[in-house]
Amino acid sequence: MLPTEALDRAAGMLRVLAHPHRLRIVEILLEGRHSVGELAQMLQLAPNAVSQHLNQMKAFGILTSERDGRTVYYRVIDPNAMTLIACIRKHCQ
């Protein structure tokens, strides 16, 4: 049986990613880093909505950000995110 801590972490990650836009953002960021503006354009969402999604995922430790001049880029740092997206592709297509 899995330890309670592992189950708590899994449930937290599933709660954070339980939104179609956040799943799409992770899917995009697994391909490489992107700025809020780039993601907003790809998703056809307002930049402030994208920022809110990114902040939730960053707070949970799924993403990180890095500044390059005036632009902030985001990328996935949790390797479990790739596994989760692969599982979704396998079972939900």
PDB file of N, CA and C in Angstrom:
ATOM      1  N   MET A   1       0.834  -1.182   0.000  1.00  0.00           N
ATOM      2  CA  MET A   1       0.000   0.000   0.000  1.00  0.00           C
ATOM      3  C   MET A   1       0.877   1.243   0.000  1.00  0.00           C
ATOM      4  N   LEU A   2       0.389   2.261  -0.657  1.00  0.00           N
ATOM      5  CA  LEU A   2       1.114   3.527  -0.708  1.00  0.00           C
ATOM      6  C   LEU A   2       1.034   4.241   0.636  1.00  0.00           C
ATOM      7  N   PRO A   3       2.101   4.930   1.012  1.00  0.00           N
ATOM      8  CA  PRO A   3       2.057   5.723   2.237  1.00  0.00           C
ATOM      9  C   PRO A   3       1.058   6.882   2.095  1.00  0.00           C
ATOM     10  N   THR A   4       0.503   7.301   3.205  1.00  0.00           N
ATOM     11  CA  THR A   4      -0.466   8.395   3.216  1.00  0.00           C
ATOM     12  C   THR A   4       0.104   9.652   2.585  1.00  0.00           C
ATOM     13  N   GLU A   5       1.378   9.929   2.823  1.00  0.00           N
ATOM     14  CA  GLU A   5       2.009  11.128   2.249  1.00  0.00           C
ATOM     15  C   GLU A   5       1.991  11.086   0.720  1.00  0.00           C
ATOM     16  N   ALA A   6       2.234   9.914   0.153  1.00  0.00           N
ATOM     17  CA  ALA A   6       2.214   9.772  -1.310  1.00  0.00           C
ATOM     18  C   ALA A   6       0.805   9.983  -1.848  1.00  0.00           C
ATOM     19  N   LEU A   7      -0.177   9.454  -1.147  1.00  0.00           N
ATOM     20  CA  LEU A   7      -1.563   9.637  -1.576  1.00  0.00           C
ATOM     21  C   LEU A   7      -1.996  11.094  -1.467  1.00  0.00           C
ATOM     22  N   ASP A   8      -1.555  11.771  -0.409  1.00  0.00           N
ATOM     23  CA  ASP A   8      -1.856  13.198  -0.249  1.00  0.00           C
ATOM     24  C   ASP A   8      -1.248  14.004  -1.393  1.00  0.00           C
ATOM     25  N   ARG A   9      -0.010  13.694  -1.736  1.00  0.00           N
ATOM     26  CA  ARG A   9       0.671  14.409  -2.838  1.00  0.00           C
ATOM     27  C   ARG A   9      -0.054  14.151  -4.165  1.00  0.00           C
ATOM     28  N   ALA A  10      -0.426  12.897  -4.403  1.00  0.00           N
ATOM     29  CA  ALA A  10      -1.126  12.553  -5.647  1.00  0.00           C
ATOM     30  C   ALA A  10      -2.471  13.268  -5.730  1.00  0.00           C
ATOM     31  N   ALA A  11      -3.213  13.267  -4.630  1.00  0.00           N
ATOM     32  CA  ALA A  11      -4.517  13.940  -4.622  1.00  0.00           C
ATOM     33  C   ALA A  11      -4.354  15.436  -4.854  1.00  0.00           C
ATOM     34  N   GLY A  12      -3.336  16.028  -4.261  1.00  0.00           N
ATOM     35  CA  GLY A  12      -3.078  17.452  -4.473  1.00  0.00           C
ATOM     36  C   GLY A  12      -2.754  17.761  -5.919  1.00  0.00           C
ATOM     37  N   MET A  13      -1.901  16.938  -6.525  1.00  0.00           N
ATOM     38  CA  MET A  13      -1.540  17.154  -7.929  1.00  0.00           C
ATOM     39  C   MET A  13      -2.769  17.004  -8.820  1.00  0.00           C
ATOM     40  N   LEU A  14      -3.579  16.000  -8.556  1.00  0.00           N
ATOM     41  CA  LEU A  14      -4.790  15.807  -9.359  1.00  0.00           C
ATOM     42  C   LEU A  14      -5.752  16.976  -9.206  1.00  0.00           C
ATOM     43  N   ARG A  15      -5.869  17.529  -8.003  1.00  0.00           N
ATOM     44  CA  ARG A  15      -6.730  18.704  -7.794  1.00  0.00           C
ATOM     45  C   ARG A  15      -6.222  19.899  -8.595  1.00  0.00           C
ATOM     46  N   VAL A  16      -4.907  20.121  -8.547  1.00  0.00           N
ATOM     47  CA  VAL A  16      -4.334  21.268  -9.264  1.00  0.00           C
ATOM     48  C   VAL A  16      -4.508  21.101 -10.772  1.00  0.00           C
ATOM     49  N   LEU A  17      -4.333  19.903 -11.268  1.00  0.00           N
ATOM     50  CA  LEU A  17      -4.403  19.677 -12.713  1.00  0.00           C
ATOM     51  C   LEU A  17      -5.811  19.351 -13.219  1.00  0.00           C
ATOM     52  N   ALA A  18      -6.794  19.351 -12.340  1.00  0.00           N
ATOM     53  CA  ALA A  18      -8.153  18.986 -12.727  1.00  0.00           C
ATOM     54  C   ALA A  18      -8.879  20.129 -13.433  1.00  0.00           C
ATOM     55  N   HIS A  19      -8.250  20.663 -14.444  1.00  0.00           N
ATOM     56  CA  HIS A  19      -8.847  21.721 -15.266  1.00  0.00           C
ATOM     57  C   HIS A  19      -8.291  21.567 -16.675  1.00  0.00           C
ATOM     58  N   PRO A  20      -9.138  21.595 -17.689  1.00  0.00           N
ATOM     59  CA  PRO A  20      -8.653  21.388 -19.056  1.00  0.00           C
ATOM     60  C   PRO A  20      -7.564  22.374 -19.479  1.00  0.00           C
ATOM     61  N   HIS A  21      -7.662  23.634 -19.076  1.00  0.00           N
ATOM     62  CA  HIS A  21      -6.643  24.605 -19.475  1.00  0.00           C
ATOM     63  C   HIS A  21      -5.302  24.297 -18.818  1.00  0.00           C
ATOM     64  N   ARG A  22      -5.326  23.885 -17.556  1.00  0.00           N
ATOM     65  CA  ARG A  22      -4.065  23.563 -16.879  1.00  0.00           C
ATOM     66  C   ARG A  22      -3.431  22.315 -17.492  1.00  0.00           C
ATOM     67  N   LEU A  23      -4.247  21.332 -17.839  1.00  0.00           N
ATOM     68  CA  LEU A  23      -3.701  20.149 -18.510  1.00  0.00           C
ATOM     69  C   LEU A  23      -3.082  20.524 -19.854  1.00  0.00           C
ATOM     70  N   ARG A  24      -3.741  21.402 -20.598  1.00  0.00           N
ATOM     71  CA  ARG A  24      -3.203  21.825 -21.895  1.00  0.00           C
ATOM     72  C   ARG A  24      -1.905  22.606 -21.705  1.00  0.00           C
ATOM     73  N   ILE A  25      -1.858  23.455 -20.689  1.00  0.00           N
ATOM     74  CA  ILE A  25      -0.632  24.214 -20.412  1.00  0.00           C
ATOM     75  C   ILE A  25       0.520  23.262 -20.125  1.00  0.00           C
ATOM     76  N   VAL A  26       0.284  22.255 -19.295  1.00  0.00           N
ATOM     77  CA  VAL A  26       1.340  21.282 -18.997  1.00  0.00           C
ATOM     78  C   VAL A  26       1.764  20.570 -20.270  1.00  0.00           C
ATOM     79  N   GLU A  27       0.800  20.175 -21.074  1.00  0.00           N
ATOM     80  CA  GLU A  27       1.104  19.498 -22.331  1.00  0.00           C
ATOM     81  C   GLU A  27       2.004  20.370 -23.217  1.00  0.00           C
ATOM     82  N   ILE A  28       1.691  21.646 -23.309  1.00  0.00           N
ATOM     83  CA  ILE A  28       2.500  22.579 -24.109  1.00  0.00           C
ATOM     84  C   ILE A  28       3.882  22.756 -23.493  1.00  0.00           C
ATOM     85  N   LEU A  29       3.932  22.932 -22.171  1.00  0.00           N
ATOM     86  CA  LEU A  29       5.210  23.190 -21.513  1.00  0.00           C
ATOM     87  C   LEU A  29       6.116  21.965 -21.474  1.00  0.00           C
ATOM     88  N   LEU A  30       5.574  20.793 -21.648  1.00  0.00           N
ATOM     89  CA  LEU A  30       6.430  19.609 -21.752  1.00  0.00           C
ATOM     90  C   LEU A  30       7.263  19.642 -23.026  1.00  0.00           C
ATOM     91  N   GLU A  31       6.822  20.417 -24.010  1.00  0.00           N
ATOM     92  CA  GLU A  31       7.561  20.573 -25.265  1.00  0.00           C
ATOM     93  C   GLU A  31       8.663  21.626 -25.166  1.00  0.00           C
ATOM     94  N   GLY A  32       8.573  22.513 -24.171  1.00  0.00           N
ATOM     95  CA  GLY A  32       9.574  23.572 -24.013  1.00  0.00           C
ATOM     96  C   GLY A  32       9.000  24.738 -23.234  1.00  0.00           C
ATOM     97  N   ARG A  33       9.857  25.665 -22.880  1.00  0.00           N
ATOM     98  CA  ARG A  33       9.429  26.801 -22.062  1.00  0.00           C
ATOM     99  C   ARG A  33       8.661  27.819 -22.899  1.00  0.00           C
ATOM    100  N   HIS A  34       7.723  28.501 -22.238  1.00  0.00           N
ATOM    101  CA  HIS A  34       6.904  29.519 -22.901  1.00  0.00           C
ATOM    102  C   HIS A  34       6.566  30.623 -21.912  1.00  0.00           C
ATOM    103  N   SER A  35       6.308  31.797 -22.450  1.00  0.00           N
ATOM    104  CA  SER A  35       5.894  32.935 -21.632  1.00  0.00           C
ATOM    105  C   SER A  35       4.374  32.937 -21.494  1.00  0.00           C
ATOM    106  N   VAL A  36       3.881  33.763 -20.581  1.00  0.00           N
ATOM    107  CA  VAL A  36       2.437  33.918 -20.388  1.00  0.00           C
ATOM    108  C   VAL A  36       1.792  34.349 -21.705  1.00  0.00           C
ATOM    109  N   GLY A  37       2.382  35.323 -22.365  1.00  0.00           N
ATOM    110  CA  GLY A  37       1.822  35.823 -23.625  1.00  0.00           C
ATOM    111  C   GLY A  37       1.739  34.748 -24.695  1.00  0.00           C
ATOM    112  N   GLU A  38       2.785  33.946 -24.809  1.00  0.00           N
ATOM    113  CA  GLU A  38       2.779  32.865 -25.797  1.00  0.00           C
ATOM    114  C   GLU A  38       1.682  31.846 -25.479  1.00  0.00           C
ATOM    115  N   LEU A  39       1.591  31.475 -24.214  1.00  0.00           N
ATOM    116  CA  LEU A  39       0.566  30.511 -23.812  1.00  0.00           C
ATOM    117  C   LEU A  39      -0.835  31.078 -24.026  1.00  0.00           C
ATOM    118  N   ALA A  40      -1.028  32.341 -23.677  1.00  0.00           N
ATOM    119  CA  ALA A  40      -2.333  32.976 -23.856  1.00  0.00           C
ATOM    120  C   ALA A  40      -2.743  32.950 -25.324  1.00  0.00           C
ATOM    121  N   GLN A  41      -1.798  33.230 -26.189  1.00  0.00           N
ATOM    122  CA  GLN A  41      -2.092  33.230 -27.625  1.00  0.00           C
ATOM    123  C   GLN A  41      -2.418  31.816 -28.111  1.00  0.00           C
ATOM    124  N   MET A  42      -1.641  30.827 -27.681  1.00  0.00           N
ATOM    125  CA  MET A  42      -1.877  29.441 -28.105  1.00  0.00           C
ATOM    126  C   MET A  42      -3.229  28.927 -27.619  1.00  0.00           C
ATOM    127  N   LEU A  43      -3.595  29.302 -26.398  1.00  0.00           N
ATOM    128  CA  LEU A  43      -4.828  28.808 -25.784  1.00  0.00           C
ATOM    129  C   LEU A  43      -6.032  29.701 -26.061  1.00  0.00           C
ATOM    130  N   GLN A  44      -5.777  30.858 -26.658  1.00  0.00           N
ATOM    131  CA  GLN A  44      -6.821  31.856 -26.902  1.00  0.00           C
ATOM    132  C   GLN A  44      -7.537  32.224 -25.601  1.00  0.00           C
ATOM    133  N   LEU A  45      -6.717  32.510 -24.577  1.00  0.00           N
ATOM    134  CA  LEU A  45      -7.209  32.934 -23.264  1.00  0.00           C
ATOM    135  C   LEU A  45      -6.600  34.283 -22.922  1.00  0.00           C
ATOM    136  N   ALA A  46      -7.213  34.968 -21.982  1.00  0.00           N
ATOM    137  CA  ALA A  46      -6.658  36.228 -21.483  1.00  0.00           C
ATOM    138  C   ALA A  46      -5.374  35.928 -20.700  1.00  0.00           C
ATOM    139  N   PRO A  47      -4.360  36.785 -20.854  1.00  0.00           N
ATOM    140  CA  PRO A  47      -3.107  36.557 -20.128  1.00  0.00           C
ATOM    141  C   PRO A  47      -3.288  36.438 -18.611  1.00  0.00           C
ATOM    142  N   ASN A  48      -4.214  37.200 -18.029  1.00  0.00           N
ATOM    143  CA  ASN A  48      -4.399  37.100 -16.580  1.00  0.00           C
ATOM    144  C   ASN A  48      -4.966  35.733 -16.183  1.00  0.00           C
ATOM    145  N   ALA A  49      -5.803  35.123 -17.012  1.00  0.00           N
ATOM    146  CA  ALA A  49      -6.321  33.783 -16.738  1.00  0.00           C
ATOM    147  C   ALA A  49      -5.190  32.758 -16.801  1.00  0.00           C
ATOM    148  N   VAL A  50      -4.334  32.896 -17.796  1.00  0.00           N
ATOM    149  CA  VAL A  50      -3.188  31.994 -17.928  1.00  0.00           C
ATOM    150  C   VAL A  50      -2.260  32.156 -16.723  1.00  0.00           C
ATOM    151  N   SER A  51      -2.024  33.382 -16.307  1.00  0.00           N
ATOM    152  CA  SER A  51      -1.176  33.636 -15.134  1.00  0.00           C
ATOM    153  C   SER A  51      -1.719  32.955 -13.885  1.00  0.00           C
ATOM    154  N   GLN A  52      -3.031  33.004 -13.704  1.00  0.00           N
ATOM    155  CA  GLN A  52      -3.632  32.349 -12.537  1.00  0.00           C
ATOM    156  C   GLN A  52      -3.409  30.842 -12.581  1.00  0.00           C
ATOM    157  N   HIS A  53      -3.589  30.243 -13.745  1.00  0.00           N
ATOM    158  CA  HIS A  53      -3.348  28.806 -13.886  1.00  0.00           C
ATOM    159  C   HIS A  53      -1.881  28.481 -13.603  1.00  0.00           C
ATOM    160  N   LEU A  54      -0.983  29.277 -14.170  1.00  0.00           N
ATOM    161  CA  LEU A  54       0.446  29.044 -13.965  1.00  0.00           C
ATOM    162  C   LEU A  54       0.832  29.176 -12.497  1.00  0.00           C
ATOM    163  N   ASN A  55       0.289  30.171 -11.827  1.00  0.00           N
ATOM    164  CA  ASN A  55       0.610  30.380 -10.414  1.00  0.00           C
ATOM    165  C   ASN A  55       0.161  29.209  -9.554  1.00  0.00           C
ATOM    166  N   GLN A  56      -0.996  28.643  -9.844  1.00  0.00           N
ATOM    167  CA  GLN A  56      -1.466  27.483  -9.081  1.00  0.00           C
ATOM    168  C   GLN A  56      -0.527  26.298  -9.261  1.00  0.00           C
ATOM    169  N   MET A  57      -0.105  26.067 -10.492  1.00  0.00           N
ATOM    170  CA  MET A  57       0.781  24.938 -10.756  1.00  0.00           C
ATOM    171  C   MET A  57       2.182  25.184 -10.218  1.00  0.00           C
ATOM    172  N   LYS A  58       2.628  26.420 -10.274  1.00  0.00           N
ATOM    173  CA  LYS A  58       3.942  26.753  -9.730  1.00  0.00           C
ATOM    174  C   LYS A  58       3.941  26.611  -8.209  1.00  0.00           C
ATOM    175  N   ALA A  59       2.887  27.043  -7.554  1.00  0.00           N
ATOM    176  CA  ALA A  59       2.784  26.941  -6.091  1.00  0.00           C
ATOM    177  C   ALA A  59       2.824  25.489  -5.634  1.00  0.00           C
ATOM    178  N   PHE A  60       2.314  24.579  -6.452  1.00  0.00           N
ATOM    179  CA  PHE A  60       2.321  23.165  -6.097  1.00  0.00           C
ATOM    180  C   PHE A  60       3.641  22.494  -6.454  1.00  0.00           C
ATOM    181  N   GLY A  61       4.490  23.168  -7.230  1.00  0.00           N
ATOM    182  CA  GLY A  61       5.789  22.596  -7.585  1.00  0.00           C
ATOM    183  C   GLY A  61       5.812  21.840  -8.897  1.00  0.00           C
ATOM    184  N   ILE A  62       4.784  22.040  -9.710  1.00  0.00           N
ATOM    185  CA  ILE A  62       4.737  21.380 -11.015  1.00  0.00           C
ATOM    186  C   ILE A  62       5.569  22.157 -12.031  1.00  0.00           C
ATOM    187  N   LEU A  63       5.550  23.483 -11.905  1.00  0.00           N
ATOM    188  CA  LEU A  63       6.257  24.373 -12.833  1.00  0.00           C
ATOM    189  C   LEU A  63       7.278  25.216 -12.092  1.00  0.00           C
ATOM    190  N   THR A  64       8.179  25.777 -12.871  1.00  0.00           N
ATOM    191  CA  THR A  64       9.077  26.806 -12.373  1.00  0.00           C
ATOM    192  C   THR A  64       9.088  27.930 -13.397  1.00  0.00           C
ATOM    193  N   SER A  65       9.593  29.074 -12.974  1.00  0.00           N
ATOM    194  CA  SER A  65       9.688  30.209 -13.898  1.00  0.00           C
ATOM    195  C   SER A  65      11.114  30.722 -13.895  1.00  0.00           C
ATOM    196  N   GLU A  66      11.476  31.326 -15.007  1.00  0.00           N
ATOM    197  CA  GLU A  66      12.803  31.937 -15.132  1.00  0.00           C
ATOM    198  C   GLU A  66      12.668  33.200 -15.958  1.00  0.00           C
ATOM    199  N   ARG A  67      13.334  34.221 -15.507  1.00  0.00           N
ATOM    200  CA  ARG A  67      13.276  35.525 -16.164  1.00  0.00           C
ATOM    201  C   ARG A  67      14.391  35.622 -17.196  1.00  0.00           C
ATOM    202  N   ASP A  68      14.032  36.132 -18.366  1.00  0.00           N
ATOM    203  CA  ASP A  68      14.999  36.428 -19.428  1.00  0.00           C
ATOM    204  C   ASP A  68      14.707  37.855 -19.871  1.00  0.00           C
ATOM    205  N   GLY A  69      15.455  38.800 -19.308  1.00  0.00           N
ATOM    206  CA  GLY A  69      15.154  40.207 -19.552  1.00  0.00           C
ATOM    207  C   GLY A  69      13.846  40.557 -18.861  1.00  0.00           C
ATOM    208  N   ARG A  70      12.902  41.072 -19.625  1.00  0.00           N
ATOM    209  CA  ARG A  70      11.603  41.453 -19.054  1.00  0.00           C
ATOM    210  C   ARG A  70      10.563  40.342 -19.158  1.00  0.00           C
ATOM    211  N   THR A  71      10.918  39.239 -19.796  1.00  0.00           N
ATOM    212  CA  THR A  71       9.961  38.158 -20.027  1.00  0.00           C
ATOM    213  C   THR A  71      10.204  37.015 -19.048  1.00  0.00           C
ATOM    214  N   VAL A  72       9.123  36.485 -18.507  1.00  0.00           N
ATOM    215  CA  VAL A  72       9.195  35.331 -17.615  1.00  0.00           C
ATOM    216  C   VAL A  72       8.722  34.114 -18.397  1.00  0.00           C
ATOM    217  N   TYR A  73       9.543  33.074 -18.355  1.00  0.00           N
ATOM    218  CA  TYR A  73       9.223  31.831 -19.042  1.00  0.00           C
ATOM    219  C   TYR A  73       8.932  30.746 -18.019  1.00  0.00           C
ATOM    220  N   TYR A  74       8.008  29.876 -18.358  1.00  0.00           N
ATOM    221  CA  TYR A  74       7.614  28.776 -17.488  1.00  0.00           C
ATOM    222  C   TYR A  74       7.991  27.462 -18.135  1.00  0.00           C
ATOM    223  N   ARG A  75       8.294  26.483 -17.273  1.00  0.00           N
ATOM    224  CA  ARG A  75       8.572  25.131 -17.753  1.00  0.00           C
ATOM    225  C   ARG A  75       8.193  24.137 -16.665  1.00  0.00           C
ATOM    226  N   VAL A  76       7.964  22.907 -17.078  1.00  0.00           N
ATOM    227  CA  VAL A  76       7.591  21.831 -16.154  1.00  0.00           C
ATOM    228  C   VAL A  76       8.845  21.328 -15.454  1.00  0.00           C
ATOM    229  N   ILE A  77       8.756  21.163 -14.135  1.00  0.00           N
ATOM    230  CA  ILE A  77       9.886  20.596 -13.386  1.00  0.00           C
ATOM    231  C   ILE A  77       9.513  19.289 -12.689  1.00  0.00           C
ATOM    232  N   ASP A  78       8.240  18.970 -12.596  1.00  0.00           N
ATOM    233  CA  ASP A  78       7.821  17.736 -11.940  1.00  0.00           C
ATOM    234  C   ASP A  78       7.740  16.626 -12.987  1.00  0.00           C
ATOM    235  N   PRO A  79       8.614  15.626 -12.908  1.00  0.00           N
ATOM    236  CA  PRO A  79       8.593  14.557 -13.917  1.00  0.00           C
ATOM    237  C   PRO A  79       7.296  13.757 -13.913  1.00  0.00           C
ATOM    238  N   ASN A  80       6.560  13.795 -12.816  1.00  0.00           N
ATOM    239  CA  ASN A  80       5.283  13.079 -12.762  1.00  0.00           C
ATOM    240  C   ASN A  80       4.243  13.689 -13.679  1.00  0.00           C
ATOM    241  N   ALA A  81       4.411  14.965 -14.028  1.00  0.00           N
ATOM    242  CA  ALA A  81       3.469  15.618 -14.938  1.00  0.00           C
ATOM    243  C   ALA A  81       3.493  14.937 -16.308  1.00  0.00           C
ATOM    244  N   MET A  82       4.681  14.556 -16.781  1.00  0.00           N
ATOM    245  CA  MET A  82       4.794  13.878 -18.068  1.00  0.00           C
ATOM    246  C   MET A  82       4.109  12.512 -17.997  1.00  0.00           C
ATOM    247  N   THR A  83       4.293  11.811 -16.898  1.00  0.00           N
ATOM    248  CA  THR A  83       3.663  10.508 -16.724  1.00  0.00           C
ATOM    249  C   THR A  83       2.148  10.637 -16.711  1.00  0.00           C
ATOM    250  N   LEU A  84       1.649  11.656 -16.033  1.00  0.00           N
ATOM    251  CA  LEU A  84       0.209  11.872 -15.960  1.00  0.00           C
ATOM    252  C   LEU A  84      -0.369  12.193 -17.338  1.00  0.00           C
ATOM    253  N   ILE A  85       0.292  13.061 -18.091  1.00  0.00           N
ATOM    254  CA  ILE A  85      -0.178  13.396 -19.444  1.00  0.00           C
ATOM    255  C   ILE A  85      -0.149  12.153 -20.325  1.00  0.00           C
ATOM    256  N   ALA A  86       0.888  11.334 -20.214  1.00  0.00           N
ATOM    257  CA  ALA A  86       0.964  10.095 -20.994  1.00  0.00           C
ATOM    258  C   ALA A  86      -0.177   9.153 -20.635  1.00  0.00           C
ATOM    259  N   CYS A  87      -0.507   9.072 -19.362  1.00  0.00           N
ATOM    260  CA  CYS A  87      -1.616   8.237 -18.906  1.00  0.00           C
ATOM    261  C   CYS A  87      -2.945   8.743 -19.477  1.00  0.00           C
ATOM    262  N   ILE A  88      -3.136  10.049 -19.463  1.00  0.00           N
ATOM    263  CA  ILE A  88      -4.351  10.642 -20.019  1.00  0.00           C
ATOM    264  C   ILE A  88      -4.443  10.354 -21.510  1.00  0.00           C
ATOM    265  N   ARG A  89      -3.331  10.513 -22.226  1.00  0.00           N
ATOM    266  CA  ARG A  89      -3.342  10.218 -23.658  1.00  0.00           C
ATOM    267  C   ARG A  89      -3.718   8.767 -23.913  1.00  0.00           C
ATOM    268  N   LYS A  90      -3.161   7.870 -23.127  1.00  0.00           N
ATOM    269  CA  LYS A  90      -3.399   6.445 -23.322  1.00  0.00           C
ATOM    270  C   LYS A  90      -4.840   6.052 -23.040  1.00  0.00           C
ATOM    271  N   HIS A  91      -5.412   6.597 -21.978  1.00  0.00           N
ATOM    272  CA  HIS A  91      -6.708   6.133 -21.517  1.00  0.00           C
ATOM    273  C   HIS A  91      -7.888   7.007 -21.921  1.00  0.00           C
ATOM    274  N   CYS A  92      -7.645   8.201 -22.423  1.00  0.00           N
ATOM    275  CA  CYS A  92      -8.748   9.133 -22.675  1.00  0.00           C
ATOM    276  C   CYS A  92      -8.893   9.548 -24.118  1.00  0.00           C
ATOM    277  N   GLN A  93      -8.121   8.989 -25.012  1.00  0.00           N
ATOM    278  CA  GLN A  93      -8.250   9.384 -26.418  1.00  0.00           C
ATOM    279  C   GLN A  93      -9.271   8.544 -27.116  1.00  0.00           C
TER     280      GLN A  93
END
